[in-house]
N, C-alpha and C. Protein backbone atom coordinates (compact mmCIF):
# COMPACT_ATOMS: atom_id res chain seq x y z
N UNK A 1 -85.59 33.43 39.34
CA UNK A 1 -85.16 32.98 40.66
C UNK A 1 -84.15 33.97 41.25
N UNK A 2 -83.16 34.37 40.46
CA UNK A 2 -82.13 35.28 40.91
C UNK A 2 -82.74 36.63 41.27
N UNK A 3 -83.68 37.09 40.49
CA UNK A 3 -84.35 38.36 40.74
C UNK A 3 -85.15 38.30 42.03
N UNK A 4 -85.76 37.17 42.29
CA UNK A 4 -86.56 36.99 43.50
C UNK A 4 -85.67 37.01 44.75
N UNK A 5 -84.53 36.38 44.71
CA UNK A 5 -83.59 36.37 45.83
C UNK A 5 -83.08 37.77 46.08
N UNK A 6 -82.78 38.50 45.03
CA UNK A 6 -82.29 39.87 45.15
C UNK A 6 -83.36 40.76 45.78
N UNK A 7 -84.60 40.62 45.33
CA UNK A 7 -85.70 41.42 45.88
C UNK A 7 -85.93 41.09 47.35
N UNK A 8 -85.91 39.83 47.70
CA UNK A 8 -86.09 39.42 49.09
C UNK A 8 -84.97 39.96 49.97
N UNK A 9 -83.76 39.88 49.49
CA UNK A 9 -82.61 40.39 50.25
C UNK A 9 -82.71 41.90 50.45
N UNK A 10 -83.13 42.60 49.43
CA UNK A 10 -83.27 44.04 49.51
C UNK A 10 -84.35 44.42 50.51
N UNK A 11 -85.49 43.76 50.45
CA UNK A 11 -86.57 44.03 51.40
C UNK A 11 -86.15 43.74 52.83
N UNK A 12 -85.47 42.65 53.02
CA UNK A 12 -85.02 42.28 54.36
C UNK A 12 -84.04 43.30 54.91
N UNK A 13 -83.10 43.75 54.09
CA UNK A 13 -82.13 44.75 54.57
C UNK A 13 -82.81 46.08 54.87
N UNK A 14 -83.80 46.47 54.09
CA UNK A 14 -84.54 47.70 54.37
C UNK A 14 -85.33 47.60 55.67
N UNK A 15 -85.93 46.46 55.92
CA UNK A 15 -86.69 46.26 57.16
C UNK A 15 -85.77 46.33 58.37
N UNK A 16 -84.62 45.71 58.28
CA UNK A 16 -83.68 45.71 59.40
C UNK A 16 -83.12 47.09 59.66
N UNK A 17 -82.81 47.83 58.62
CA UNK A 17 -82.25 49.16 58.82
C UNK A 17 -83.30 50.12 59.37
N UNK A 18 -84.55 49.99 58.96
CA UNK A 18 -85.59 50.88 59.49
C UNK A 18 -85.89 50.57 60.94
N UNK A 19 -85.77 49.33 61.35
CA UNK A 19 -85.99 48.96 62.75
C UNK A 19 -84.95 49.60 63.65
N UNK A 20 -83.69 49.62 63.24
CA UNK A 20 -82.64 50.22 64.06
C UNK A 20 -82.82 51.73 64.14
N UNK A 21 -83.30 52.36 63.09
CA UNK A 21 -83.54 53.80 63.12
C UNK A 21 -84.67 54.12 64.09
N UNK A 22 -85.73 53.34 64.07
CA UNK A 22 -86.84 53.57 65.00
C UNK A 22 -86.40 53.36 66.44
N UNK A 23 -85.56 52.39 66.68
CA UNK A 23 -85.10 52.12 68.03
C UNK A 23 -84.18 53.24 68.53
N UNK A 24 -83.46 53.86 67.63
CA UNK A 24 -82.51 54.90 68.02
C UNK A 24 -83.21 56.20 68.43
N UNK A 25 -84.46 56.40 68.04
CA UNK A 25 -85.17 57.64 68.36
C UNK A 25 -86.15 57.39 69.51
N UNK A 26 -85.73 56.65 70.49
CA UNK A 26 -86.56 56.36 71.65
C UNK A 26 -86.56 57.56 72.58
N UNK A 27 -87.72 57.83 73.18
CA UNK A 27 -87.82 58.99 74.07
C UNK A 27 -87.00 58.78 75.34
N UNK A 28 -86.59 59.89 75.92
CA UNK A 28 -85.78 59.82 77.14
C UNK A 28 -86.58 59.23 78.30
N UNK A 29 -87.87 59.54 78.37
CA UNK A 29 -88.70 58.98 79.44
C UNK A 29 -88.77 57.47 79.37
N UNK A 30 -88.90 56.93 78.16
CA UNK A 30 -88.97 55.47 78.00
C UNK A 30 -87.66 54.81 78.44
N UNK A 31 -86.55 55.40 78.07
CA UNK A 31 -85.25 54.83 78.45
C UNK A 31 -85.03 54.96 79.95
N UNK A 32 -85.41 56.11 80.52
CA UNK A 32 -85.25 56.29 81.97
C UNK A 32 -86.11 55.28 82.73
N UNK A 33 -87.31 54.99 82.23
CA UNK A 33 -88.15 53.98 82.88
C UNK A 33 -87.47 52.61 82.88
N UNK A 34 -86.84 52.26 81.77
CA UNK A 34 -86.13 50.97 81.69
C UNK A 34 -84.95 50.94 82.66
N UNK A 35 -84.20 52.04 82.72
CA UNK A 35 -83.04 52.10 83.62
C UNK A 35 -83.50 52.03 85.07
N UNK A 36 -84.57 52.77 85.41
CA UNK A 36 -85.11 52.72 86.78
C UNK A 36 -85.54 51.30 87.14
N UNK A 37 -86.18 50.61 86.23
CA UNK A 37 -86.63 49.24 86.50
C UNK A 37 -85.44 48.32 86.76
N UNK A 38 -84.39 48.46 85.97
CA UNK A 38 -83.20 47.62 86.16
C UNK A 38 -82.54 47.91 87.51
N UNK A 39 -82.45 49.19 87.87
CA UNK A 39 -81.82 49.55 89.14
C UNK A 39 -82.66 49.07 90.33
N UNK A 40 -83.97 49.21 90.23
CA UNK A 40 -84.85 48.72 91.30
C UNK A 40 -84.75 47.21 91.44
N UNK A 41 -84.65 46.51 90.31
CA UNK A 41 -84.51 45.05 90.33
C UNK A 41 -83.22 44.63 91.04
N UNK A 42 -82.19 45.47 90.95
CA UNK A 42 -80.91 45.19 91.60
C UNK A 42 -80.84 45.78 93.00
N UNK A 43 -81.97 46.30 93.49
CA UNK A 43 -82.07 46.90 94.83
C UNK A 43 -81.13 48.08 95.03
N UNK A 44 -80.97 48.88 94.00
CA UNK A 44 -80.15 50.09 94.09
C UNK A 44 -81.04 51.20 94.63
N UNK A 45 -80.57 51.89 95.66
CA UNK A 45 -81.31 52.99 96.28
C UNK A 45 -80.48 54.26 96.24
N UNK A 46 -81.11 55.36 96.57
CA UNK A 46 -80.42 56.65 96.71
C UNK A 46 -79.63 57.04 95.47
N UNK A 47 -80.32 57.16 94.35
CA UNK A 47 -79.68 57.58 93.11
C UNK A 47 -80.61 58.54 92.38
N UNK A 48 -80.06 59.22 91.39
CA UNK A 48 -80.88 60.06 90.53
C UNK A 48 -80.41 59.91 89.10
N UNK A 49 -81.36 60.07 88.18
CA UNK A 49 -81.07 60.08 86.76
C UNK A 49 -81.43 61.45 86.22
N UNK A 50 -80.62 61.93 85.28
CA UNK A 50 -80.87 63.25 84.72
C UNK A 50 -80.56 63.23 83.23
N UNK A 51 -81.39 63.89 82.44
CA UNK A 51 -81.19 64.00 81.00
C UNK A 51 -80.44 65.30 80.72
N UNK A 52 -79.35 65.19 79.97
CA UNK A 52 -78.57 66.36 79.59
C UNK A 52 -78.27 66.31 78.10
N UNK A 53 -77.83 67.40 77.55
CA UNK A 53 -77.45 67.47 76.14
C UNK A 53 -76.21 66.60 75.90
N UNK A 54 -76.10 66.04 74.72
CA UNK A 54 -74.94 65.18 74.43
C UNK A 54 -73.63 65.95 74.47
N UNK A 55 -73.70 67.27 74.31
CA UNK A 55 -72.48 68.09 74.31
C UNK A 55 -72.04 68.51 75.70
N UNK A 56 -72.86 68.27 76.70
CA UNK A 56 -72.55 68.68 78.07
C UNK A 56 -71.48 67.75 78.65
N UNK A 57 -70.42 68.33 79.16
CA UNK A 57 -69.35 67.56 79.81
C UNK A 57 -69.79 67.20 81.22
N UNK A 58 -69.48 65.99 81.64
CA UNK A 58 -69.84 65.55 82.98
C UNK A 58 -68.84 64.51 83.48
N UNK A 59 -68.65 64.48 84.80
CA UNK A 59 -67.80 63.45 85.39
C UNK A 59 -68.65 62.27 85.87
N UNK A 60 -69.97 62.42 85.75
CA UNK A 60 -70.87 61.36 86.19
C UNK A 60 -70.98 60.28 85.12
N UNK A 61 -71.49 59.12 85.51
CA UNK A 61 -71.61 57.99 84.61
C UNK A 61 -72.78 58.19 83.64
N UNK A 62 -72.51 58.04 82.36
CA UNK A 62 -73.55 58.07 81.35
C UNK A 62 -74.13 56.67 81.24
N UNK A 63 -75.45 56.53 81.48
CA UNK A 63 -76.08 55.21 81.50
C UNK A 63 -77.05 55.01 80.35
N UNK A 64 -77.23 56.03 79.51
CA UNK A 64 -78.14 55.88 78.39
C UNK A 64 -78.04 57.05 77.43
N UNK A 65 -78.51 56.80 76.21
CA UNK A 65 -78.58 57.83 75.18
C UNK A 65 -79.99 57.79 74.62
N UNK A 66 -80.56 58.97 74.34
CA UNK A 66 -81.94 59.02 73.87
C UNK A 66 -82.12 60.15 72.86
N UNK A 67 -83.36 60.26 72.36
CA UNK A 67 -83.71 61.29 71.38
C UNK A 67 -82.79 61.24 70.16
N UNK A 68 -82.53 60.04 69.69
CA UNK A 68 -81.70 59.89 68.49
C UNK A 68 -80.24 60.24 68.69
N UNK A 69 -79.77 60.18 69.93
CA UNK A 69 -78.37 60.48 70.23
C UNK A 69 -78.12 61.94 70.58
N UNK A 70 -79.17 62.75 70.62
CA UNK A 70 -78.97 64.17 70.92
C UNK A 70 -78.90 64.45 72.41
N UNK A 71 -79.30 63.48 73.23
CA UNK A 71 -79.26 63.65 74.68
C UNK A 71 -78.67 62.40 75.32
N UNK A 72 -78.17 62.57 76.55
CA UNK A 72 -77.66 61.42 77.29
C UNK A 72 -78.23 61.45 78.71
N UNK A 73 -78.28 60.28 79.31
CA UNK A 73 -78.83 60.14 80.66
C UNK A 73 -77.67 59.83 81.59
N UNK A 74 -77.56 60.62 82.66
CA UNK A 74 -76.47 60.42 83.61
C UNK A 74 -77.03 59.88 84.92
N UNK A 75 -76.19 59.15 85.63
CA UNK A 75 -76.54 58.48 86.88
C UNK A 75 -75.69 59.08 87.99
N UNK A 76 -76.34 59.41 89.10
CA UNK A 76 -75.60 59.90 90.27
C UNK A 76 -76.05 59.12 91.49
N UNK A 77 -75.11 58.54 92.18
CA UNK A 77 -75.37 57.81 93.42
C UNK A 77 -75.25 58.79 94.56
N UNK A 78 -76.28 58.84 95.42
CA UNK A 78 -76.26 59.73 96.58
C UNK A 78 -75.71 58.97 97.78
N UNK A 79 -74.94 59.66 98.58
CA UNK A 79 -74.37 59.03 99.77
C UNK A 79 -75.46 58.86 100.81
N UNK A 80 -75.39 57.75 101.53
CA UNK A 80 -76.36 57.50 102.60
C UNK A 80 -76.11 58.46 103.75
N UNK A 81 -77.18 58.84 104.41
CA UNK A 81 -77.05 59.74 105.56
C UNK A 81 -76.44 58.99 106.74
N UNK A 82 -75.88 59.72 107.69
CA UNK A 82 -75.22 59.09 108.84
C UNK A 82 -76.16 58.20 109.62
N UNK A 83 -77.40 58.61 109.80
CA UNK A 83 -78.34 57.80 110.56
C UNK A 83 -78.66 56.50 109.83
N UNK A 84 -78.70 56.53 108.50
CA UNK A 84 -78.94 55.33 107.73
C UNK A 84 -77.75 54.38 107.83
N UNK A 85 -76.52 54.93 107.82
CA UNK A 85 -75.34 54.09 107.96
C UNK A 85 -75.31 53.42 109.33
N UNK A 86 -75.71 54.15 110.36
CA UNK A 86 -75.72 53.59 111.70
C UNK A 86 -76.74 52.46 111.79
N UNK A 87 -77.89 52.65 111.17
CA UNK A 87 -78.92 51.62 111.17
C UNK A 87 -78.43 50.35 110.50
N UNK A 88 -77.70 50.49 109.42
CA UNK A 88 -77.23 49.33 108.66
C UNK A 88 -76.15 48.59 109.44
N UNK A 89 -75.30 49.30 110.18
CA UNK A 89 -74.24 48.62 110.92
C UNK A 89 -74.78 47.92 112.16
N UNK A 90 -75.90 48.40 112.69
CA UNK A 90 -76.49 47.76 113.88
C UNK A 90 -77.16 46.45 113.54
N UNK A 91 -77.57 46.29 112.28
CA UNK A 91 -78.29 45.06 111.88
C UNK A 91 -77.42 43.90 111.82
């Protein structure tokens, strides 16, 4: 009985640890697709996402990490053009 519990616990811990490793090596495209979907769902417009090396310094917001932590995804909000601002204030 004791041996069976130990074996089950060991198998369970191995399965859980391998799942987190697989999740950590997600491609940048897959993560960017998820981020884009979330931003579109929140009606966020005029932005860009860019993949950069994890060692690259940036003042922009880091919104994701991909490729096993070797890269990061940054978010940049673009300012609305003057004509777009005028349209929004007239409404």
